[in-house]
C-alpha atoms as a PDB file:
ATOM      1  CA  UNK A   1       2.581  20.121   9.630  1.00  0.00           C
ATOM      2  CA  UNK A   2       2.373  17.372  12.286  1.00  0.00           C
ATOM      3  CA  UNK A   3       1.337  13.956  10.964  1.00  0.00           C
ATOM      4  CA  UNK A   4       0.523  10.655  12.687  1.00  0.00           C
ATOM      5  CA  UNK A   5       1.292   7.545  10.589  1.00  0.00           C
ATOM      6  CA  UNK A   6       0.057   4.128  11.664  1.00  0.00           C
ATOM      7  CA  UNK A   7       2.014   1.244  10.183  1.00  0.00           C
ATOM      8  CA  UNK A   8       5.014   3.565  10.033  1.00  0.00           C
ATOM      9  CA  UNK A   9       7.537   0.696   9.914  1.00  0.00           C
ATOM     10  CA  UNK A  10       6.116  -0.666   6.667  1.00  0.00           C
ATOM     11  CA  UNK A  11       7.211   0.197   3.162  1.00  0.00           C
ATOM     12  CA  UNK A  12       4.767   3.002   2.367  1.00  0.00           C
ATOM     13  CA  UNK A  13       4.799   4.361   5.922  1.00  0.00           C
ATOM     14  CA  UNK A  14       8.593   4.575   5.977  1.00  0.00           C
ATOM     15  CA  UNK A  15       8.832   6.277   2.591  1.00  0.00           C
ATOM     16  CA  UNK A  16       6.038   8.751   3.302  1.00  0.00           C
ATOM     17  CA  UNK A  17       7.397   9.526   6.780  1.00  0.00           C
ATOM     18  CA  UNK A  18      10.924  10.203   5.544  1.00  0.00           C
ATOM     19  CA  UNK A  19       9.689  12.408   2.706  1.00  0.00           C
ATOM     20  CA  UNK A  20       7.603  14.455   5.138  1.00  0.00           C
ATOM     21  CA  UNK A  21      10.583  14.896   7.445  1.00  0.00           C
ATOM     22  CA  UNK A  22      12.835  15.899   4.550  1.00  0.00           C
ATOM     23  CA  UNK A  23      10.567  18.826   3.789  1.00  0.00           C
ATOM     24  CA  UNK A  24      10.386  19.899   7.443  1.00  0.00           C
ATOM     25  CA  UNK A  25       7.210  18.271   8.737  1.00  0.00           C
ATOM     26  CA  UNK A  26       6.978  16.470  12.085  1.00  0.00           C
ATOM     27  CA  UNK A  27       6.093  12.780  11.942  1.00  0.00           C
ATOM     28  CA  UNK A  28       5.030  10.457  14.742  1.00  0.00           C
ATOM     29  CA  UNK A  29       4.791   6.797  13.823  1.00  0.00           C
ATOM     30  CA  UNK A  30       2.794   4.000  15.431  1.00  0.00           C
ATOM     31  CA  UNK A  31       3.695   0.374  14.808  1.00  0.00           C
ATOM     32  CA  UNK A  32       3.788  -2.922  16.646  1.00  0.00           C
ATOM     33  CA  UNK A  33       7.401  -3.455  15.580  1.00  0.00           C
ATOM     34  CA  UNK A  34      10.505  -1.239  15.375  1.00  0.00           C
ATOM     35  CA  UNK A  35      11.422   0.286  12.041  1.00  0.00           C
ATOM     36  CA  UNK A  36      14.127  -1.978  10.594  1.00  0.00           C
ATOM     37  CA  UNK A  37      14.921   0.426   7.745  1.00  0.00           C
ATOM     38  CA  UNK A  38      15.756   3.681   9.526  1.00  0.00           C
ATOM     39  CA  UNK A  39      16.238   5.220  12.959  1.00  0.00           C
ATOM     40  CA  UNK A  40      15.119   8.651  11.753  1.00  0.00           C
ATOM     41  CA  UNK A  41      11.398   8.035  12.234  1.00  0.00           C
ATOM     42  CA  UNK A  42       9.977   8.335  15.729  1.00  0.00           C
ATOM     43  CA  UNK A  43       8.173   5.033  16.277  1.00  0.00           C
ATOM     44  CA  UNK A  44       5.848   4.632  19.254  1.00  0.00           C
ATOM     45  CA  UNK A  45       5.251   0.921  20.025  1.00  0.00           C
ATOM     46  CA  UNK A  46       1.566   0.209  19.636  1.00  0.00           C
ATOM     47  CA  UNK A  47      -0.622  -2.756  18.766  1.00  0.00           C
ATOM     48  CA  UNK A  48      -3.736  -1.018  17.472  1.00  0.00           C
ATOM     49  CA  UNK A  49      -5.747  -4.195  17.923  1.00  0.00           C
ATOM     50  CA  UNK A  50      -5.172  -3.921  21.694  1.00  0.00           C
ATOM     51  CA  UNK A  51      -5.957  -0.213  22.141  1.00  0.00           C
ATOM     52  CA  UNK A  52      -9.001   1.021  23.971  1.00  0.00           C
ATOM     53  CA  UNK A  53     -11.546   2.793  21.816  1.00  0.00           C
ATOM     54  CA  UNK A  54      -9.764   5.641  20.064  1.00  0.00           C
ATOM     55  CA  UNK A  55      -7.137   6.018  22.784  1.00  0.00           C
ATOM     56  CA  UNK A  56      -3.726   5.966  21.125  1.00  0.00           C
ATOM     57  CA  UNK A  57      -0.396   6.376  22.990  1.00  0.00           C
ATOM     58  CA  UNK A  58       0.379   9.804  21.510  1.00  0.00           C
ATOM     59  CA  UNK A  59      -0.064  13.360  22.720  1.00  0.00           C
ATOM     60  CA  UNK A  60      -0.721  16.736  21.171  1.00  0.00           C
ATOM     61  CA  UNK A  61      -2.688  17.647  18.096  1.00  0.00           C
ATOM     62  CA  UNK A  62      -2.065  16.392  14.577  1.00  0.00           C
ATOM     63  CA  UNK A  63      -2.889  17.968  11.246  1.00  0.00           C
ATOM     64  CA  UNK A  64      -3.662  14.566   9.750  1.00  0.00           C
ATOM     65  CA  UNK A  65      -3.721  10.828  10.412  1.00  0.00           C
ATOM     66  CA  UNK A  66      -2.412   8.487   7.711  1.00  0.00           C
ATOM     67  CA  UNK A  67      -3.647   4.972   8.487  1.00  0.00           C
ATOM     68  CA  UNK A  68      -1.527   2.299   6.797  1.00  0.00           C
ATOM     69  CA  UNK A  69      -1.383  -0.417   9.471  1.00  0.00           C
ATOM     70  CA  UNK A  70      -2.766  -3.726   8.183  1.00  0.00           C
ATOM     71  CA  UNK A  71      -2.093  -7.385   7.578  1.00  0.00           C
ATOM     72  CA  UNK A  72      -1.507  -7.156   3.866  1.00  0.00           C
ATOM     73  CA  UNK A  73      -0.809 -10.559   2.295  1.00  0.00           C
ATOM     74  CA  UNK A  74      -3.961 -11.710   0.477  1.00  0.00           C
ATOM     75  CA  UNK A  75      -3.382 -15.467   0.490  1.00  0.00           C
ATOM     76  CA  UNK A  76      -2.193 -15.470   4.121  1.00  0.00           C
ATOM     77  CA  UNK A  77      -5.506 -13.885   5.116  1.00  0.00           C
ATOM     78  CA  UNK A  78      -7.339 -16.586   3.177  1.00  0.00           C
ATOM     79  CA  UNK A  79      -5.560 -19.084   5.411  1.00  0.00           C
ATOM     80  CA  UNK A  80      -5.946 -16.917   8.557  1.00  0.00           C
ATOM     81  CA  UNK A  81      -9.161 -14.878   8.173  1.00  0.00           C
ATOM     82  CA  UNK A  82      -8.974 -13.618  11.764  1.00  0.00           C
ATOM     83  CA  UNK A  83      -6.250 -11.224  10.543  1.00  0.00           C
ATOM     84  CA  UNK A  84      -8.789  -9.617   8.239  1.00  0.00           C
ATOM     85  CA  UNK A  85     -11.004  -8.919  11.228  1.00  0.00           C
ATOM     86  CA  UNK A  86      -7.980  -7.400  13.001  1.00  0.00           C
ATOM     87  CA  UNK A  87      -7.543  -5.077  10.012  1.00  0.00           C
ATOM     88  CA  UNK A  88     -11.049  -3.736  10.581  1.00  0.00           C
ATOM     89  CA  UNK A  89     -10.391  -3.312  14.304  1.00  0.00           C
ATOM     90  CA  UNK A  90      -7.151  -1.421  13.715  1.00  0.00           C
ATOM     91  CA  UNK A  91      -8.850   0.880  11.228  1.00  0.00           C
ATOM     92  CA  UNK A  92     -11.647   1.597  13.673  1.00  0.00           C
ATOM     93  CA  UNK A  93      -9.211   2.580  16.451  1.00  0.00           C
ATOM     94  CA  UNK A  94      -7.372   5.047  14.215  1.00  0.00           C
ATOM     95  CA  UNK A  95     -10.611   6.391  12.770  1.00  0.00           C
ATOM     96  CA  UNK A  96     -12.156   6.899  16.192  1.00  0.00           C
ATOM     97  CA  UNK A  97      -9.015   8.773  17.268  1.00  0.00           C
ATOM     98  CA  UNK A  98      -9.419  11.058  14.251  1.00  0.00           C
ATOM     99  CA  UNK A  99     -13.115  11.578  14.972  1.00  0.00           C
ATOM    100  CA  UNK A 100     -12.539  12.477  18.603  1.00  0.00           C
ATOM    101  CA  UNK A 101      -9.800  14.934  17.691  1.00  0.00           C
ATOM    102  CA  UNK A 102     -11.444  16.255  14.513  1.00  0.00           C
ATOM    103  CA  UNK A 103      -8.371  15.303  12.481  1.00  0.00           C
ATOM    104  CA  UNK A 104      -8.421  14.768   8.697  1.00  0.00           C
ATOM    105  CA  UNK A 105      -7.930  11.106   7.873  1.00  0.00           C
ATOM    106  CA  UNK A 106      -6.156   9.240   5.061  1.00  0.00           C
ATOM    107  CA  UNK A 107      -6.753   5.507   4.597  1.00  0.00           C
ATOM    108  CA  UNK A 108      -4.517   3.129   2.691  1.00  0.00           C
ATOM    109  CA  UNK A 109      -7.051   0.937   0.917  1.00  0.00           C
ATOM    110  CA  UNK A 110      -6.420  -1.442  -1.968  1.00  0.00           C
ATOM    111  CA  UNK A 111      -7.375  -2.281  -5.535  1.00  0.00           C
ATOM    112  CA  UNK A 112      -8.650  -5.520  -3.955  1.00  0.00           C
ATOM    113  CA  UNK A 113     -11.953  -3.741  -3.228  1.00  0.00           C
ATOM    114  CA  UNK A 114     -12.823  -4.065  -6.928  1.00  0.00           C
ATOM    115  CA  UNK A 115     -12.703  -7.851  -6.760  1.00  0.00           C
ATOM    116  CA  UNK A 116     -11.649 -10.069  -9.647  1.00  0.00           C
ATOM    117  CA  UNK A 117     -12.773  -7.887 -12.527  1.00  0.00           C
ATOM    118  CA  UNK A 118     -11.976  -7.953 -16.219  1.00  0.00           C
ATOM    119  CA  UNK A 119     -12.611  -4.382 -17.287  1.00  0.00           C
ATOM    120  CA  UNK A 120      -9.907  -2.844 -19.434  1.00  0.00           C
ATOM    121  CA  UNK A 121      -9.429   0.031 -16.971  1.00  0.00           C
ATOM    122  CA  UNK A 122     -11.048   0.526 -13.562  1.00  0.00           C
ATOM    123  CA  UNK A 123     -12.256   3.867 -12.204  1.00  0.00           C
ATOM    124  CA  UNK A 124     -13.232   4.665  -8.625  1.00  0.00           C
ATOM    125  CA  UNK A 125     -17.020   4.444  -9.023  1.00  0.00           C
ATOM    126  CA  UNK A 126     -16.800   0.902 -10.417  1.00  0.00           C
ATOM    127  CA  UNK A 127     -16.082  -0.699  -7.047  1.00  0.00           C
ATOM    128  CA  UNK A 128     -18.774  -3.302  -6.357  1.00  0.00           C
ATOM    129  CA  UNK A 129     -19.007  -4.038  -2.647  1.00  0.00           C
ATOM    130  CA  UNK A 130     -21.600  -6.805  -3.005  1.00  0.00           C
ATOM    131  CA  UNK A 131     -19.028  -9.560  -3.475  1.00  0.00           C
ATOM    132  CA  UNK A 132     -15.625  -9.649  -1.777  1.00  0.00           C
ATOM    133  CA  UNK A 133     -13.070 -11.972  -3.357  1.00  0.00           C
ATOM    134  CA  UNK A 134     -11.095 -12.604  -0.158  1.00  0.00           C
ATOM    135  CA  UNK A 135     -11.056 -11.803   3.573  1.00  0.00           C
ATOM    136  CA  UNK A 136      -8.391  -9.171   2.836  1.00  0.00           C
ATOM    137  CA  UNK A 137     -10.602  -7.408   0.290  1.00  0.00           C
ATOM    138  CA  UNK A 138     -13.506  -7.652   2.745  1.00  0.00           C
ATOM    139  CA  UNK A 139     -11.389  -5.911   5.397  1.00  0.00           C
ATOM    140  CA  UNK A 140     -10.627  -3.024   3.037  1.00  0.00           C
ATOM    141  CA  UNK A 141     -14.255  -2.777   1.922  1.00  0.00           C
ATOM    142  CA  UNK A 142     -15.325  -2.659   5.587  1.00  0.00           C
ATOM    143  CA  UNK A 143     -12.686  -0.016   6.292  1.00  0.00           C
ATOM    144  CA  UNK A 144     -13.915   2.188   3.472  1.00  0.00           C
ATOM    145  CA  UNK A 145     -17.512   1.743   4.624  1.00  0.00           C
ATOM    146  CA  UNK A 146     -16.615   2.903   8.146  1.00  0.00           C
ATOM    147  CA  UNK A 147     -14.834   5.955   6.754  1.00  0.00           C
ATOM    148  CA  UNK A 148     -17.742   6.935   4.511  1.00  0.00           C
ATOM    149  CA  UNK A 149     -20.153   6.498   7.421  1.00  0.00           C
ATOM    150  CA  UNK A 150     -17.981   8.665   9.702  1.00  0.00           C
ATOM    151  CA  UNK A 151     -17.854  11.315   6.999  1.00  0.00           C
ATOM    152  CA  UNK A 152     -21.642  11.246   6.746  1.00  0.00           C
ATOM    153  CA  UNK A 153     -22.349  11.271  10.483  1.00  0.00           C
ATOM    154  CA  UNK A 154     -19.419  13.295  11.846  1.00  0.00           C
ATOM    155  CA  UNK A 155     -18.297  15.376   8.852  1.00  0.00           C
ATOM    156  CA  UNK A 156     -14.828  13.824   8.922  1.00  0.00           C
ATOM    157  CA  UNK A 157     -12.570  15.075   6.101  1.00  0.00           C
ATOM    158  CA  UNK A 158     -10.857  12.127   4.452  1.00  0.00           C
ATOM    159  CA  UNK A 159      -9.059  10.608   1.480  1.00  0.00           C
ATOM    160  CA  UNK A 160      -9.170   6.928   0.598  1.00  0.00           C
ATOM    161  CA  UNK A 161      -6.227   5.815  -1.540  1.00  0.00           C
ATOM    162  CA  UNK A 162      -6.619   2.507  -3.360  1.00  0.00           C
ATOM    163  CA  UNK A 163      -3.031   1.307  -3.735  1.00  0.00           C
ATOM    164  CA  UNK A 164      -1.954  -1.232  -6.335  1.00  0.00           C
ATOM    165  CA  UNK A 165       1.098  -3.523  -6.060  1.00  0.00           C
ATOM    166  CA  UNK A 166       3.501  -0.957  -4.634  1.00  0.00           C
ATOM    167  CA  UNK A 167       7.156  -1.989  -4.927  1.00  0.00           C
ATOM    168  CA  UNK A 168      10.658  -0.573  -4.540  1.00  0.00           C
ATOM    169  CA  UNK A 169      12.697   0.830  -1.656  1.00  0.00           C
ATOM    170  CA  UNK A 170      12.081  -0.733   1.807  1.00  0.00           C
ATOM    171  CA  UNK A 171      10.055  -3.698   0.519  1.00  0.00           C
ATOM    172  CA  UNK A 172      12.572  -6.591   0.676  1.00  0.00           C
ATOM    173  CA  UNK A 173      12.023  -7.800   4.269  1.00  0.00           C
ATOM    174  CA  UNK A 174      10.973 -11.204   2.946  1.00  0.00           C
ATOM    175  CA  UNK A 175      11.466 -12.997   6.268  1.00  0.00           C
ATOM    176  CA  UNK A 176       8.559 -10.922   7.634  1.00  0.00           C
ATOM    177  CA  UNK A 177       6.317 -10.794   4.575  1.00  0.00           C
ATOM    178  CA  UNK A 178       6.851 -12.176   1.083  1.00  0.00           C
ATOM    179  CA  UNK A 179       6.156  -9.701  -1.720  1.00  0.00           C
ATOM    180  CA  UNK A 180       6.228 -10.926  -5.272  1.00  0.00           C
ATOM    181  CA  UNK A 181       8.750  -8.496  -6.812  1.00  0.00           C
ATOM    182  CA  UNK A 182      11.504  -8.661  -4.160  1.00  0.00           C
ATOM    183  CA  UNK A 183      10.888 -12.411  -3.828  1.00  0.00           C
ATOM    184  CA  UNK A 184      11.364 -12.992  -7.559  1.00  0.00           C
ATOM    185  CA  UNK A 185      14.386 -10.664  -7.623  1.00  0.00           C
ATOM    186  CA  UNK A 186      16.122 -12.540  -4.827  1.00  0.00           C
ATOM    187  CA  UNK A 187      15.428 -16.012  -6.178  1.00  0.00           C
ATOM    188  CA  UNK A 188      16.245 -15.245  -9.803  1.00  0.00           C
ATOM    189  CA  UNK A 189      19.470 -13.528  -8.720  1.00  0.00           C
ATOM    190  CA  UNK A 190      20.438 -16.689  -6.829  1.00  0.00           C
ATOM    191  CA  UNK A 191      19.419 -18.925  -9.753  1.00  0.00           C
ATOM    192  CA  UNK A 192      16.702 -20.453  -7.569  1.00  0.00           C
ATOM    193  CA  UNK A 193      13.374 -21.652  -8.917  1.00  0.00           C
ATOM    194  CA  UNK A 194      10.226 -19.559  -8.596  1.00  0.00           C
ATOM    195  CA  UNK A 195       6.543 -20.457  -8.767  1.00  0.00           C
ATOM    196  CA  UNK A 196       4.359 -18.014 -10.660  1.00  0.00           C
ATOM    197  CA  UNK A 197       0.690 -18.266  -9.713  1.00  0.00           C
ATOM    198  CA  UNK A 198      -1.290 -17.023 -12.693  1.00  0.00           C
ATOM    199  CA  UNK A 199       1.351 -15.945 -15.259  1.00  0.00           C
ATOM    200  CA  UNK A 200      -1.321 -14.214 -17.362  1.00  0.00           C
ATOM    201  CA  UNK A 201      -2.594 -12.124 -14.426  1.00  0.00           C
ATOM    202  CA  UNK A 202      -2.596  -8.443 -15.408  1.00  0.00           C
ATOM    203  CA  UNK A 203      -1.737  -6.078 -12.551  1.00  0.00           C
ATOM    204  CA  UNK A 204      -0.923  -2.388 -12.187  1.00  0.00           C
ATOM    205  CA  UNK A 205       2.501  -2.171 -10.523  1.00  0.00           C
ATOM    206  CA  UNK A 206       3.289   1.126  -8.751  1.00  0.00           C
ATOM    207  CA  UNK A 207       6.833   2.273  -8.005  1.00  0.00           C
ATOM    208  CA  UNK A 208       7.208   3.585  -4.462  1.00  0.00           C
ATOM    209  CA  UNK A 209       8.262   7.122  -5.445  1.00  0.00           C
ATOM    210  CA  UNK A 210       5.078   7.565  -7.479  1.00  0.00           C
ATOM    211  CA  UNK A 211       2.972   6.214  -4.607  1.00  0.00           C
ATOM    212  CA  UNK A 212       4.678   8.484  -2.073  1.00  0.00           C
ATOM    213  CA  UNK A 213       4.266  11.547  -4.267  1.00  0.00           C
ATOM    214  CA  UNK A 214       0.565  10.823  -4.645  1.00  0.00           C
ATOM    215  CA  UNK A 215       0.061  10.423  -0.894  1.00  0.00           C
ATOM    216  CA  UNK A 216       1.838  13.714  -0.173  1.00  0.00           C
ATOM    217  CA  UNK A 217      -0.161  15.569  -2.793  1.00  0.00           C
ATOM    218  CA  UNK A 218      -3.356  14.218  -1.276  1.00  0.00           C
ATOM    219  CA  UNK A 219      -2.249  15.060   2.249  1.00  0.00           C
ATOM    220  CA  UNK A 220      -1.448  18.659   1.343  1.00  0.00           C
ATOM    221  CA  UNK A 221      -4.758  19.108  -0.475  1.00  0.00           C
ATOM    222  CA  UNK A 222      -6.744  17.594   2.400  1.00  0.00           C
ATOM    223  CA  UNK A 223      -5.085  19.672   5.127  1.00  0.00           C
ATOM    224  CA  UNK A 224      -5.413  22.850   3.047  1.00  0.00           C
ATOM    225  CA  UNK A 225      -9.127  22.172   2.544  1.00  0.00           C
ATOM    226  CA  UNK A 226      -8.869  21.903  -1.259  1.00  0.00           C
ATOM    227  CA  UNK A 227     -10.224  18.349  -0.964  1.00  0.00           C
ATOM    228  CA  UNK A 228     -12.763  17.260   1.615  1.00  0.00           C
ATOM    229  CA  UNK A 229     -13.997  13.713   0.935  1.00  0.00           C
ATOM    230  CA  UNK A 230     -12.456  11.832  -1.972  1.00  0.00           C
ATOM    231  CA  UNK A 231     -11.415   8.349  -3.080  1.00  0.00           C
ATOM    232  CA  UNK A 232      -8.522   7.887  -5.512  1.00  0.00           C
ATOM    233  CA  UNK A 233      -6.864   5.066  -7.390  1.00  0.00           C
ATOM    234  CA  UNK A 234      -3.134   5.439  -6.845  1.00  0.00           C
ATOM    235  CA  UNK A 235      -1.250   3.336  -9.380  1.00  0.00           C
ATOM    236  CA  UNK A 236       0.796   3.711 -12.546  1.00  0.00           C
ATOM    237  CA  UNK A 237      -2.191   3.286 -14.829  1.00  0.00           C
ATOM    238  CA  UNK A 238      -0.875   0.488 -17.057  1.00  0.00           C
ATOM    239  CA  UNK A 239      -1.160  -3.273 -16.772  1.00  0.00           C
ATOM    240  CA  UNK A 240       1.618  -5.871 -16.953  1.00  0.00           C
ATOM    241  CA  UNK A 241       1.354  -9.642 -16.684  1.00  0.00           C
ATOM    242  CA  UNK A 242       3.310 -11.638 -14.137  1.00  0.00           C
ATOM    243  CA  UNK A 243       5.070 -13.224 -17.098  1.00  0.00           C
ATOM    244  CA  UNK A 244       6.164  -9.724 -18.178  1.00  0.00           C
ATOM    245  CA  UNK A 245       7.430  -9.120 -14.647  1.00  0.00           C
ATOM    246  CA  UNK A 246       9.484 -12.327 -14.569  1.00  0.00           C
ATOM    247  CA  UNK A 247      11.050 -11.530 -17.948  1.00  0.00           C
ATOM    248  CA  UNK A 248      11.901  -7.951 -16.917  1.00  0.00           C
ATOM    249  CA  UNK A 249      13.605  -9.168 -13.753  1.00  0.00           C
ATOM    250  CA  UNK A 250      15.538 -11.776 -15.733  1.00  0.00           C
ATOM    251  CA  UNK A 251      16.708  -9.152 -18.221  1.00  0.00           C
ATOM    252  CA  UNK A 252      17.744  -6.707 -15.499  1.00  0.00           C
ATOM    253  CA  UNK A 253      19.700  -9.410 -13.646  1.00  0.00           C
ATOM    254  CA  UNK A 254      21.009 -11.045 -16.833  1.00  0.00           C
ATOM    255  CA  UNK A 255      19.678 -14.363 -15.601  1.00  0.00           C
ATOM    256  CA  UNK A 256      17.391 -16.931 -17.168  1.00  0.00           C
ATOM    257  CA  UNK A 257      14.493 -17.372 -14.704  1.00  0.00           C
ATOM    258  CA  UNK A 258      13.767 -20.929 -13.613  1.00  0.00           C
ATOM    259  CA  UNK A 259      10.001 -20.566 -13.388  1.00  0.00           C
ATOM    260  CA  UNK A 260       7.145 -22.999 -12.778  1.00  0.00           C
ATOM    261  CA  UNK A 261       3.695 -21.734 -13.717  1.00  0.00           C
ATOM    262  CA  UNK A 262       0.561 -22.571 -11.737  1.00  0.00           C
ATOM    263  CA  UNK A 263      -3.043 -21.279 -11.785  1.00  0.00           C
ATOM    264  CA  UNK A 264      -3.876 -18.218  -9.690  1.00  0.00           C
ATOM    265  CA  UNK A 265      -4.638 -19.039  -6.065  1.00  0.00           C
ATOM    266  CA  UNK A 266      -7.941 -18.636  -4.261  1.00  0.00           C
ATOM    267  CA  UNK A 267      -8.863 -15.029  -3.502  1.00  0.00           C
ATOM    268  CA  UNK A 268      -6.313 -13.502  -5.886  1.00  0.00           C
ATOM    269  CA  UNK A 269      -7.253 -10.821  -8.411  1.00  0.00           C
ATOM    270  CA  UNK A 270      -6.386 -11.832 -11.977  1.00  0.00           C
ATOM    271  CA  UNK A 271      -6.842  -8.476 -13.726  1.00  0.00           C
ATOM    272  CA  UNK A 272      -6.623  -4.879 -12.558  1.00  0.00           C
ATOM    273  CA  UNK A 273      -5.617  -1.709 -14.373  1.00  0.00           C
ATOM    274  CA  UNK A 274      -6.399   1.586 -12.643  1.00  0.00           C
ATOM    275  CA  UNK A 275      -8.038   4.644 -14.118  1.00  0.00           C
ATOM    276  CA  UNK A 276      -5.909   7.378 -12.522  1.00  0.00           C
ATOM    277  CA  UNK A 277      -7.519  10.336 -14.301  1.00  0.00           C
ATOM    278  CA  UNK A 278      -9.218  11.550 -11.110  1.00  0.00           C
ATOM    279  CA  UNK A 279      -5.907  11.684  -9.221  1.00  0.00           C
ATOM    280  CA  UNK A 280      -4.324  13.462 -12.193  1.00  0.00           C
ATOM    281  CA  UNK A 281      -7.103  16.048 -12.299  1.00  0.00           C
ATOM    282  CA  UNK A 282      -7.569  16.786  -8.587  1.00  0.00           C
ATOM    283  CA  UNK A 283      -4.067  16.123  -7.235  1.00  0.00           C
ATOM    284  CA  UNK A 284      -1.818  16.759 -10.211  1.00  0.00           C
ATOM    285  CA  UNK A 285      -0.616  13.175  -9.844  1.00  0.00           C
ATOM    286  CA  UNK A 286       1.793  12.179 -12.620  1.00  0.00           C
ATOM    287  CA  UNK A 287       3.408   8.773 -12.109  1.00  0.00           C
ATOM    288  CA  UNK A 288       6.799   8.706 -13.808  1.00  0.00           C
ATOM    289  CA  UNK A 289       8.171   5.174 -13.359  1.00  0.00           C
ATOM    290  CA  UNK A 290       6.879   2.301 -15.517  1.00  0.00           C
ATOM    291  CA  UNK A 291       7.717  -1.265 -14.531  1.00  0.00           C
ATOM    292  CA  UNK A 292      10.490  -1.362 -17.140  1.00  0.00           C
ATOM    293  CA  UNK A 293      12.304   1.408 -15.241  1.00  0.00           C
ATOM    294  CA  UNK A 294      11.162   0.502 -11.736  1.00  0.00           C
ATOM    295  CA  UNK A 295      12.486  -3.077 -11.697  1.00  0.00           C
ATOM    296  CA  UNK A 296      16.113  -1.973 -12.354  1.00  0.00           C
ATOM    297  CA  UNK A 297      15.726   0.759  -9.712  1.00  0.00           C
ATOM    298  CA  UNK A 298      14.477  -1.780  -7.158  1.00  0.00           C
ATOM    299  CA  UNK A 299      17.400  -4.092  -7.909  1.00  0.00           C
ATOM    300  CA  UNK A 300      19.893  -1.228  -7.754  1.00  0.00           C
ATOM    301  CA  UNK A 301      18.605  -0.156  -4.327  1.00  0.00           C
ATOM    302  CA  UNK A 302      18.838  -3.692  -2.933  1.00  0.00           C
ATOM    303  CA  UNK A 303      22.405  -4.105  -4.191  1.00  0.00           C
ATOM    304  CA  UNK A 304      23.522  -0.675  -2.966  1.00  0.00           C
ATOM    305  CA  UNK A 305      22.142  -1.282   0.519  1.00  0.00           C
ATOM    306  CA  UNK A 306      23.467  -4.820   0.924  1.00  0.00           C
ATOM    307  CA  UNK A 307      20.212  -6.747   0.556  1.00  0.00           C
ATOM    308  CA  UNK A 308      21.263  -8.431  -2.689  1.00  0.00           C
ATOM    309  CA  UNK A 309      24.592  -9.691  -3.966  1.00  0.00           C
ATOM    310  CA  UNK A 310      25.206 -10.104  -7.678  1.00  0.00           C
ATOM    311  CA  UNK A 311      28.073 -12.347  -8.771  1.00  0.00           C
END
């Protein structure tokens, strides 16, 4: 199989690309920055926002396109909404490339499309696109709408994966983009203070190996024609509060967190737990790593690879 991954230098892109290569598939990555994690992935420099319509700097045919490139920090896009518009533009370029080449398409969407909901568990059909909570969620809603319209008009095979708080290996590049779990790990390990925005927020944290396994299962089903047009929640399927997260990190590091608690910020989702029964049924998706096991694994990887020092 030959696969094109946009955003291949990011966390999910790197993990998915390496797993594909390990099993013998060919991977070509597109990103506007080099991959700082590994030299194994072929990375073609490309700013999708600057490409001409559907003309990407790659050659040959691909069995699938996995589009992961995006500005992904919710609150930063509240402050800089033009980045949300760039997300839509980047999606359109990759989607148009897939349409022109009749290539099955996978889109990395987000649980943000559901907005700030308070259902106990959220299934795919419960997305309400009338109200977007933030420019980031609007960019993902727009991306999904383009994909569904291309499927309707051009018969484009696709999968939309709604990711949820993916963490673990290759996510601790905090100088480029702050993510809550590696940020809290680093600061608690150094006995530095942290600010927790919305300690009672309930989120569905997904360990990277579970996320990667789900993407590969979807990719194989799409390319084989077992799935044609589907949308899946890809998460662990259980909710944890940010207060739970802080306590788990403190226990794993044997540190007492120095935490200040503030209300959730504008545009942030305060409750989300995914219904993953559809992914279980159609993809055989079986996430295996709860947050209680994933936090120690994330810390272990950072220590082993020199990103975190424990005294």
